[in-house]
Amino acid sequence: MKTYRPFDQIYGKRVIVIGGGAQVSQVVLGAVTEADRHNLRGERISIDTIPLVGEEKLAEAVRAVGRLHRASALVLAGSIMGGGVVDAVKELREEHGIPVISLNMAGGVPDVSDLIVTDPVQAGVMAVMAVSDTARFDIKKSGKKRF
C-alpha cells in the first residue's frame, strides 16, 4: 500500500464564490490576486466559482459547500439573495463552521453572513485573507461589520 500526503497539504484551502454575473468575476479578480501573493510565499489557496441564479439552486449550492473538500470560505456575490439561501447560510455556518462573506445586497443574506463587503474586489481579497495562515485579518473580530 502506498501512502500519499493529504489533499489539504498538496492543494491547500479553497475559497468558493457563488453568484452570477459581473459581481462573481470581480470577486474572483480580488481573490486570485491576493491568493497569488500568498501562494508565492508558500501557502496554497485556490479559488473556485460557480455561476448560479435562482433561490433553489443557490441554496442547494450553499449547502453543498460544506461537503466540498478543502472549502475554507464562501463568498456570495449577487444583487439579491434571501429566503432559502438565508437558511442555507445559517446551516453552513452552524454545521461546518465555514465563514460566509456577502456582498452588500438586497435580501436577508447579508444579515446572516460573517462579513458584508460593498466592493466585490475587496470581498475577494478579504476572503483570501480570512483563510490565509499568514494574514493577520480575523473575520471573527470584524463583528459583522460592513465594509
N, C-alpha and C. Protein backbone atom coordinates (compact mmCIF):
# COMPACT_ATOMS: atom_id res chain seq x y z
N MET A 1 0.83 -1.16 0.00
CA MET A 1 0.00 0.00 0.00
C MET A 1 0.89 1.24 0.00
N LYS A 2 0.48 2.20 -0.77
CA LYS A 2 1.23 3.44 -0.89
C LYS A 2 0.47 4.55 -0.16
N THR A 3 1.20 5.36 0.58
CA THR A 3 0.55 6.48 1.26
C THR A 3 0.89 7.79 0.55
N TYR A 4 -0.05 8.69 0.60
CA TYR A 4 0.11 9.99 -0.05
C TYR A 4 -0.17 11.09 0.96
N ARG A 5 0.40 12.24 0.70
CA ARG A 5 0.08 13.40 1.54
C ARG A 5 -1.39 13.77 1.33
N PRO A 6 -2.03 14.29 2.36
CA PRO A 6 -3.44 14.69 2.22
C PRO A 6 -3.60 15.84 1.22
N PHE A 7 -4.79 15.91 0.61
CA PHE A 7 -5.07 16.96 -0.36
C PHE A 7 -4.88 18.35 0.21
N ASP A 8 -5.24 18.54 1.48
CA ASP A 8 -5.11 19.89 2.03
C ASP A 8 -3.65 20.32 2.13
N GLN A 9 -2.73 19.38 2.23
CA GLN A 9 -1.31 19.73 2.22
C GLN A 9 -0.80 19.98 0.81
N ILE A 10 -1.38 19.30 -0.16
CA ILE A 10 -0.94 19.46 -1.55
C ILE A 10 -1.62 20.66 -2.20
N TYR A 11 -2.93 20.72 -2.09
CA TYR A 11 -3.70 21.76 -2.78
C TYR A 11 -4.10 22.92 -1.89
N GLY A 12 -4.06 22.74 -0.59
CA GLY A 12 -4.36 23.83 0.32
C GLY A 12 -5.84 24.11 0.48
N LYS A 13 -6.15 25.37 0.71
CA LYS A 13 -7.51 25.79 1.02
C LYS A 13 -8.23 26.30 -0.22
N ARG A 14 -9.56 26.21 -0.18
CA ARG A 14 -10.38 26.68 -1.29
C ARG A 14 -11.31 27.79 -0.82
N VAL A 15 -11.37 28.85 -1.59
CA VAL A 15 -12.38 29.88 -1.42
C VAL A 15 -13.40 29.66 -2.53
N ILE A 16 -14.66 29.53 -2.15
CA ILE A 16 -15.73 29.27 -3.10
C ILE A 16 -16.51 30.56 -3.32
N VAL A 17 -16.73 30.91 -4.58
CA VAL A 17 -17.50 32.10 -4.92
C VAL A 17 -18.74 31.65 -5.69
N ILE A 18 -19.92 32.00 -5.14
CA ILE A 18 -21.18 31.61 -5.77
C ILE A 18 -21.99 32.88 -6.05
N GLY A 19 -22.60 32.91 -7.21
CA GLY A 19 -23.45 34.03 -7.58
C GLY A 19 -23.57 34.10 -9.08
N GLY A 20 -23.84 35.27 -9.57
CA GLY A 20 -23.99 35.39 -11.00
C GLY A 20 -23.49 36.72 -11.52
N GLY A 21 -23.05 36.69 -12.75
CA GLY A 21 -22.73 37.93 -13.43
C GLY A 21 -21.42 38.57 -13.06
N ALA A 22 -21.42 39.88 -13.23
CA ALA A 22 -20.20 40.67 -13.08
C ALA A 22 -19.65 40.64 -11.66
N GLN A 23 -20.53 40.51 -10.65
CA GLN A 23 -20.03 40.50 -9.28
C GLN A 23 -19.08 39.34 -9.04
N VAL A 24 -19.42 38.17 -9.57
CA VAL A 24 -18.55 36.99 -9.38
C VAL A 24 -17.18 37.24 -9.99
N SER A 25 -17.15 37.77 -11.19
CA SER A 25 -15.86 37.98 -11.85
C SER A 25 -15.00 38.98 -11.08
N GLN A 26 -15.62 39.98 -10.50
CA GLN A 26 -14.86 40.97 -9.73
C GLN A 26 -14.37 40.40 -8.40
N VAL A 27 -15.19 39.58 -7.75
CA VAL A 27 -14.74 38.92 -6.52
C VAL A 27 -13.55 38.03 -6.83
N VAL A 28 -13.64 37.29 -7.92
CA VAL A 28 -12.55 36.39 -8.30
C VAL A 28 -11.29 37.17 -8.64
N LEU A 29 -11.43 38.32 -9.27
CA LEU A 29 -10.27 39.17 -9.57
C LEU A 29 -9.50 39.49 -8.28
N GLY A 30 -10.21 39.93 -7.26
CA GLY A 30 -9.56 40.25 -5.99
C GLY A 30 -9.00 39.02 -5.30
N ALA A 31 -9.77 37.93 -5.33
CA ALA A 31 -9.35 36.71 -4.63
C ALA A 31 -8.11 36.08 -5.27
N VAL A 32 -8.10 35.99 -6.59
CA VAL A 32 -6.96 35.38 -7.27
C VAL A 32 -5.71 36.23 -7.10
N THR A 33 -5.87 37.54 -7.17
CA THR A 33 -4.73 38.44 -6.99
C THR A 33 -4.13 38.27 -5.60
N GLU A 34 -4.99 38.23 -4.58
CA GLU A 34 -4.50 38.07 -3.21
C GLU A 34 -3.94 36.66 -2.97
N ALA A 35 -4.60 35.65 -3.51
CA ALA A 35 -4.12 34.27 -3.35
C ALA A 35 -2.74 34.11 -3.98
N ASP A 36 -2.52 34.75 -5.10
CA ASP A 36 -1.22 34.67 -5.77
C ASP A 36 -0.12 35.20 -4.86
N ARG A 37 -0.38 36.29 -4.17
CA ARG A 37 0.61 36.84 -3.23
C ARG A 37 0.94 35.83 -2.14
N HIS A 38 -0.08 35.19 -1.59
CA HIS A 38 0.14 34.23 -0.51
C HIS A 38 0.79 32.95 -1.03
N ASN A 39 0.39 32.51 -2.21
CA ASN A 39 0.93 31.28 -2.76
C ASN A 39 2.41 31.42 -3.12
N LEU A 40 2.83 32.61 -3.52
CA LEU A 40 4.25 32.84 -3.79
C LEU A 40 5.09 32.71 -2.53
N ARG A 41 4.45 32.86 -1.39
CA ARG A 41 5.15 32.75 -0.10
C ARG A 41 4.97 31.37 0.54
N GLY A 42 4.47 30.42 -0.23
CA GLY A 42 4.41 29.04 0.26
C GLY A 42 3.04 28.54 0.66
N GLU A 43 2.05 29.41 0.73
CA GLU A 43 0.70 28.92 1.04
C GLU A 43 0.09 28.30 -0.21
N ARG A 44 -1.02 27.63 -0.01
CA ARG A 44 -1.73 27.04 -1.14
C ARG A 44 -3.21 27.37 -0.99
N ILE A 45 -3.65 28.34 -1.75
CA ILE A 45 -5.03 28.79 -1.70
C ILE A 45 -5.55 28.84 -3.14
N SER A 46 -6.69 28.20 -3.38
CA SER A 46 -7.28 28.23 -4.72
C SER A 46 -8.67 28.85 -4.65
N ILE A 47 -9.14 29.31 -5.79
CA ILE A 47 -10.42 29.98 -5.89
C ILE A 47 -11.29 29.20 -6.87
N ASP A 48 -12.50 28.86 -6.45
CA ASP A 48 -13.46 28.15 -7.32
C ASP A 48 -14.73 28.97 -7.43
N THR A 49 -15.33 28.94 -8.61
CA THR A 49 -16.57 29.68 -8.82
C THR A 49 -17.64 28.78 -9.42
N ILE A 50 -18.88 29.18 -9.20
CA ILE A 50 -19.99 28.55 -9.90
C ILE A 50 -21.04 29.63 -10.15
N PRO A 51 -21.36 29.87 -11.41
CA PRO A 51 -22.37 30.88 -11.72
C PRO A 51 -23.77 30.29 -11.59
N LEU A 52 -24.55 30.83 -10.68
CA LEU A 52 -25.91 30.33 -10.46
C LEU A 52 -26.87 31.48 -10.23
N VAL A 53 -28.10 31.29 -10.66
CA VAL A 53 -29.18 32.21 -10.34
C VAL A 53 -30.39 31.39 -9.93
N GLY A 54 -31.22 31.96 -9.09
CA GLY A 54 -32.40 31.27 -8.62
C GLY A 54 -32.21 30.79 -7.19
N GLU A 55 -33.23 31.04 -6.38
CA GLU A 55 -33.13 30.75 -4.95
C GLU A 55 -32.84 29.28 -4.65
N GLU A 56 -33.53 28.37 -5.31
CA GLU A 56 -33.34 26.94 -5.02
C GLU A 56 -31.94 26.48 -5.38
N LYS A 57 -31.46 26.87 -6.55
CA LYS A 57 -30.12 26.47 -6.98
C LYS A 57 -29.05 27.06 -6.06
N LEU A 58 -29.23 28.32 -5.69
CA LEU A 58 -28.26 28.96 -4.79
C LEU A 58 -28.25 28.28 -3.42
N ALA A 59 -29.42 28.01 -2.87
CA ALA A 59 -29.50 27.37 -1.55
C ALA A 59 -28.86 25.98 -1.58
N GLU A 60 -29.13 25.23 -2.64
CA GLU A 60 -28.54 23.90 -2.77
C GLU A 60 -27.01 23.99 -2.85
N ALA A 61 -26.52 24.94 -3.61
CA ALA A 61 -25.06 25.10 -3.76
C ALA A 61 -24.41 25.53 -2.45
N VAL A 62 -25.07 26.42 -1.71
CA VAL A 62 -24.51 26.86 -0.42
C VAL A 62 -24.42 25.67 0.53
N ARG A 63 -25.46 24.87 0.60
CA ARG A 63 -25.43 23.68 1.48
C ARG A 63 -24.32 22.71 1.06
N ALA A 64 -24.10 22.59 -0.23
CA ALA A 64 -23.09 21.65 -0.74
C ALA A 64 -21.66 22.09 -0.43
N VAL A 65 -21.45 23.36 -0.16
CA VAL A 65 -20.10 23.85 0.17
C VAL A 65 -19.55 23.09 1.37
N GLY A 66 -20.39 22.75 2.32
CA GLY A 66 -19.94 22.01 3.50
C GLY A 66 -19.40 20.63 3.16
N ARG A 67 -19.79 20.10 2.02
CA ARG A 67 -19.30 18.78 1.59
C ARG A 67 -18.11 18.87 0.65
N LEU A 68 -17.78 20.08 0.23
CA LEU A 68 -16.65 20.25 -0.69
C LEU A 68 -15.33 20.08 0.05
N HIS A 69 -14.46 19.28 -0.52
CA HIS A 69 -13.15 19.04 0.07
C HIS A 69 -12.35 20.34 0.08
N ARG A 70 -11.76 20.69 1.20
CA ARG A 70 -10.86 21.83 1.38
C ARG A 70 -11.57 23.18 1.38
N ALA A 71 -12.91 23.23 1.32
CA ALA A 71 -13.60 24.52 1.32
C ALA A 71 -13.34 25.23 2.64
N SER A 72 -12.84 26.45 2.55
CA SER A 72 -12.46 27.21 3.75
C SER A 72 -13.27 28.47 3.93
N ALA A 73 -13.86 29.00 2.86
CA ALA A 73 -14.68 30.21 2.95
C ALA A 73 -15.61 30.25 1.75
N LEU A 74 -16.74 30.93 1.94
CA LEU A 74 -17.72 31.11 0.87
C LEU A 74 -17.97 32.59 0.70
N VAL A 75 -17.96 33.03 -0.56
CA VAL A 75 -18.34 34.41 -0.89
C VAL A 75 -19.61 34.34 -1.73
N LEU A 76 -20.64 35.05 -1.29
CA LEU A 76 -21.88 35.14 -2.05
C LEU A 76 -21.91 36.47 -2.78
N ALA A 77 -21.90 36.40 -4.11
CA ALA A 77 -21.79 37.59 -4.94
C ALA A 77 -23.04 37.72 -5.80
N GLY A 78 -23.85 38.70 -5.48
CA GLY A 78 -25.07 38.91 -6.25
C GLY A 78 -25.71 40.22 -5.87
N SER A 79 -26.89 40.47 -6.44
CA SER A 79 -27.62 41.70 -6.17
C SER A 79 -28.72 41.50 -5.14
N ILE A 80 -29.27 40.28 -5.10
CA ILE A 80 -30.33 39.98 -4.15
C ILE A 80 -30.31 38.49 -3.83
N MET A 81 -30.26 38.17 -2.55
CA MET A 81 -30.32 36.77 -2.09
C MET A 81 -31.06 36.75 -0.77
N GLY A 82 -32.01 35.86 -0.67
CA GLY A 82 -32.78 35.74 0.57
C GLY A 82 -33.50 34.42 0.61
N GLY A 83 -34.54 34.33 1.43
CA GLY A 83 -35.36 33.13 1.51
C GLY A 83 -34.58 31.90 1.89
N GLY A 84 -34.62 30.89 1.03
CA GLY A 84 -33.94 29.62 1.30
C GLY A 84 -32.44 29.75 1.37
N VAL A 85 -31.89 30.75 0.72
CA VAL A 85 -30.44 30.96 0.77
C VAL A 85 -30.02 31.37 2.18
N VAL A 86 -30.86 32.15 2.85
CA VAL A 86 -30.59 32.55 4.23
C VAL A 86 -30.49 31.32 5.13
N ASP A 87 -31.46 30.41 4.99
CA ASP A 87 -31.44 29.18 5.79
C ASP A 87 -30.20 28.35 5.49
N ALA A 88 -29.83 28.27 4.21
CA ALA A 88 -28.65 27.50 3.82
C ALA A 88 -27.37 28.10 4.41
N VAL A 89 -27.27 29.42 4.43
CA VAL A 89 -26.10 30.08 5.02
C VAL A 89 -26.01 29.77 6.50
N LYS A 90 -27.14 29.86 7.19
CA LYS A 90 -27.15 29.54 8.63
C LYS A 90 -26.69 28.11 8.87
N GLU A 91 -27.20 27.17 8.08
CA GLU A 91 -26.81 25.76 8.22
C GLU A 91 -25.31 25.58 7.97
N LEU A 92 -24.81 26.20 6.92
CA LEU A 92 -23.39 26.06 6.58
C LEU A 92 -22.50 26.56 7.71
N ARG A 93 -22.84 27.70 8.26
CA ARG A 93 -22.04 28.27 9.35
C ARG A 93 -22.12 27.42 10.61
N GLU A 94 -23.33 26.96 10.95
CA GLU A 94 -23.51 26.21 12.19
C GLU A 94 -22.95 24.79 12.10
N GLU A 95 -23.19 24.11 10.99
CA GLU A 95 -22.80 22.71 10.86
C GLU A 95 -21.34 22.52 10.46
N HIS A 96 -20.79 23.46 9.72
CA HIS A 96 -19.44 23.26 9.19
C HIS A 96 -18.45 24.34 9.61
N GLY A 97 -18.92 25.42 10.19
CA GLY A 97 -18.02 26.48 10.63
C GLY A 97 -17.33 27.23 9.52
N ILE A 98 -17.87 27.16 8.32
CA ILE A 98 -17.26 27.84 7.18
C ILE A 98 -17.73 29.30 7.18
N PRO A 99 -16.80 30.25 7.20
CA PRO A 99 -17.20 31.66 7.19
C PRO A 99 -17.83 32.06 5.85
N VAL A 100 -18.84 32.92 5.94
CA VAL A 100 -19.55 33.38 4.75
C VAL A 100 -19.39 34.89 4.63
N ILE A 101 -18.89 35.30 3.47
CA ILE A 101 -18.74 36.72 3.16
C ILE A 101 -19.78 37.04 2.09
N SER A 102 -20.51 38.12 2.31
CA SER A 102 -21.55 38.52 1.38
C SER A 102 -21.25 39.90 0.83
N LEU A 103 -21.55 40.08 -0.44
CA LEU A 103 -21.55 41.44 -0.95
C LEU A 103 -22.74 42.16 -0.32
N ASN A 104 -22.65 43.47 -0.23
CA ASN A 104 -23.77 44.26 0.28
C ASN A 104 -24.87 44.19 -0.77
N MET A 105 -25.97 43.53 -0.45
CA MET A 105 -27.03 43.29 -1.43
C MET A 105 -28.39 43.34 -0.76
N ALA A 106 -29.43 43.34 -1.57
CA ALA A 106 -30.78 43.25 -1.05
C ALA A 106 -31.05 41.81 -0.61
N GLY A 107 -32.00 41.65 0.30
CA GLY A 107 -32.34 40.32 0.79
C GLY A 107 -31.73 40.07 2.15
N GLY A 108 -31.99 38.91 2.70
CA GLY A 108 -31.57 38.59 4.06
C GLY A 108 -30.19 38.02 4.22
N VAL A 109 -29.52 37.67 3.13
CA VAL A 109 -28.20 37.03 3.24
C VAL A 109 -27.17 37.89 3.98
N PRO A 110 -27.07 39.19 3.71
CA PRO A 110 -26.08 39.97 4.47
C PRO A 110 -26.30 39.92 5.98
N ASP A 111 -27.55 39.81 6.41
CA ASP A 111 -27.84 39.79 7.84
C ASP A 111 -27.33 38.53 8.55
N VAL A 112 -27.15 37.44 7.81
CA VAL A 112 -26.69 36.19 8.44
C VAL A 112 -25.25 35.84 8.07
N SER A 113 -24.60 36.70 7.31
CA SER A 113 -23.21 36.46 6.90
C SER A 113 -22.24 36.94 7.97
N ASP A 114 -21.02 36.44 7.90
CA ASP A 114 -19.98 36.83 8.85
C ASP A 114 -19.40 38.20 8.54
N LEU A 115 -19.42 38.57 7.27
CA LEU A 115 -18.80 39.82 6.84
C LEU A 115 -19.56 40.32 5.62
N ILE A 116 -19.83 41.62 5.57
CA ILE A 116 -20.52 42.22 4.44
C ILE A 116 -19.58 43.25 3.82
N VAL A 117 -19.33 43.11 2.52
CA VAL A 117 -18.39 43.99 1.83
C VAL A 117 -19.09 44.59 0.61
N THR A 118 -18.93 45.88 0.42
CA THR A 118 -19.58 46.57 -0.70
C THR A 118 -18.83 46.35 -2.01
N ASP A 119 -17.52 46.47 -1.98
CA ASP A 119 -16.71 46.35 -3.19
C ASP A 119 -16.40 44.87 -3.46
N PRO A 120 -16.81 44.32 -4.61
CA PRO A 120 -16.56 42.91 -4.87
C PRO A 120 -15.08 42.53 -4.92
N VAL A 121 -14.24 43.40 -5.44
CA VAL A 121 -12.80 43.10 -5.47
C VAL A 121 -12.27 42.99 -4.05
N GLN A 122 -12.68 43.92 -3.20
CA GLN A 122 -12.25 43.87 -1.79
C GLN A 122 -12.79 42.62 -1.10
N ALA A 123 -14.00 42.20 -1.45
CA ALA A 123 -14.57 40.98 -0.86
C ALA A 123 -13.70 39.77 -1.18
N GLY A 124 -13.21 39.69 -2.41
CA GLY A 124 -12.33 38.58 -2.79
C GLY A 124 -11.02 38.61 -2.03
N VAL A 125 -10.45 39.80 -1.91
CA VAL A 125 -9.20 39.95 -1.15
C VAL A 125 -9.40 39.54 0.30
N MET A 126 -10.48 40.02 0.91
CA MET A 126 -10.73 39.72 2.32
C MET A 126 -11.03 38.24 2.55
N ALA A 127 -11.66 37.59 1.58
CA ALA A 127 -11.93 36.15 1.71
C ALA A 127 -10.62 35.37 1.79
N VAL A 128 -9.68 35.71 0.92
CA VAL A 128 -8.38 35.03 0.95
C VAL A 128 -7.64 35.35 2.24
N MET A 129 -7.68 36.60 2.66
CA MET A 129 -7.02 36.97 3.91
C MET A 129 -7.64 36.22 5.10
N ALA A 130 -8.94 35.97 5.04
CA ALA A 130 -9.62 35.28 6.13
C ALA A 130 -9.17 33.83 6.27
N VAL A 131 -8.79 33.19 5.17
CA VAL A 131 -8.39 31.78 5.24
C VAL A 131 -6.87 31.60 5.30
N SER A 132 -6.14 32.65 5.03
CA SER A 132 -4.68 32.57 5.00
C SER A 132 -4.09 32.32 6.38
N ASP A 133 -3.03 31.55 6.40
CA ASP A 133 -2.30 31.32 7.65
C ASP A 133 -1.35 32.47 7.98
N THR A 134 -0.99 33.25 6.98
CA THR A 134 0.00 34.31 7.21
C THR A 134 -0.62 35.69 7.35
N ALA A 135 -1.87 35.88 6.95
CA ALA A 135 -2.51 37.19 7.08
C ALA A 135 -2.95 37.42 8.52
N ARG A 136 -3.04 38.66 8.89
CA ARG A 136 -3.43 39.00 10.26
C ARG A 136 -4.91 39.35 10.37
N PHE A 137 -5.65 39.20 9.31
CA PHE A 137 -7.07 39.51 9.31
C PHE A 137 -7.85 38.36 9.94
N ASP A 138 -8.67 38.67 10.93
CA ASP A 138 -9.50 37.67 11.59
C ASP A 138 -10.96 38.05 11.38
N ILE A 139 -11.66 37.26 10.60
CA ILE A 139 -13.04 37.57 10.27
C ILE A 139 -13.94 37.59 11.51
N LYS A 140 -13.58 36.82 12.52
CA LYS A 140 -14.39 36.78 13.75
C LYS A 140 -14.30 38.08 14.53
N LYS A 141 -13.19 38.78 14.38
CA LYS A 141 -13.02 40.05 15.09
C LYS A 141 -13.69 41.22 14.38
N SER A 142 -14.15 40.99 13.16
CA SER A 142 -14.79 42.08 12.42
C SER A 142 -16.17 42.42 12.97
N GLY A 143 -16.77 41.48 13.69
CA GLY A 143 -18.05 41.75 14.33
C GLY A 143 -19.18 42.08 13.36
N LYS A 144 -19.26 41.35 12.25
CA LYS A 144 -20.30 41.56 11.25
C LYS A 144 -20.32 43.00 10.72
N LYS A 145 -19.19 43.61 10.74
CA LYS A 145 -19.07 44.99 10.26
C LYS A 145 -19.26 45.03 8.74
N ARG A 146 -19.79 46.12 8.27
CA ARG A 146 -19.94 46.32 6.82
C ARG A 146 -18.77 47.16 6.31
N PHE A 147 -18.14 46.69 5.26
CA PHE A 147 -17.02 47.41 4.66
C PHE A 147 -17.41 47.91 3.29
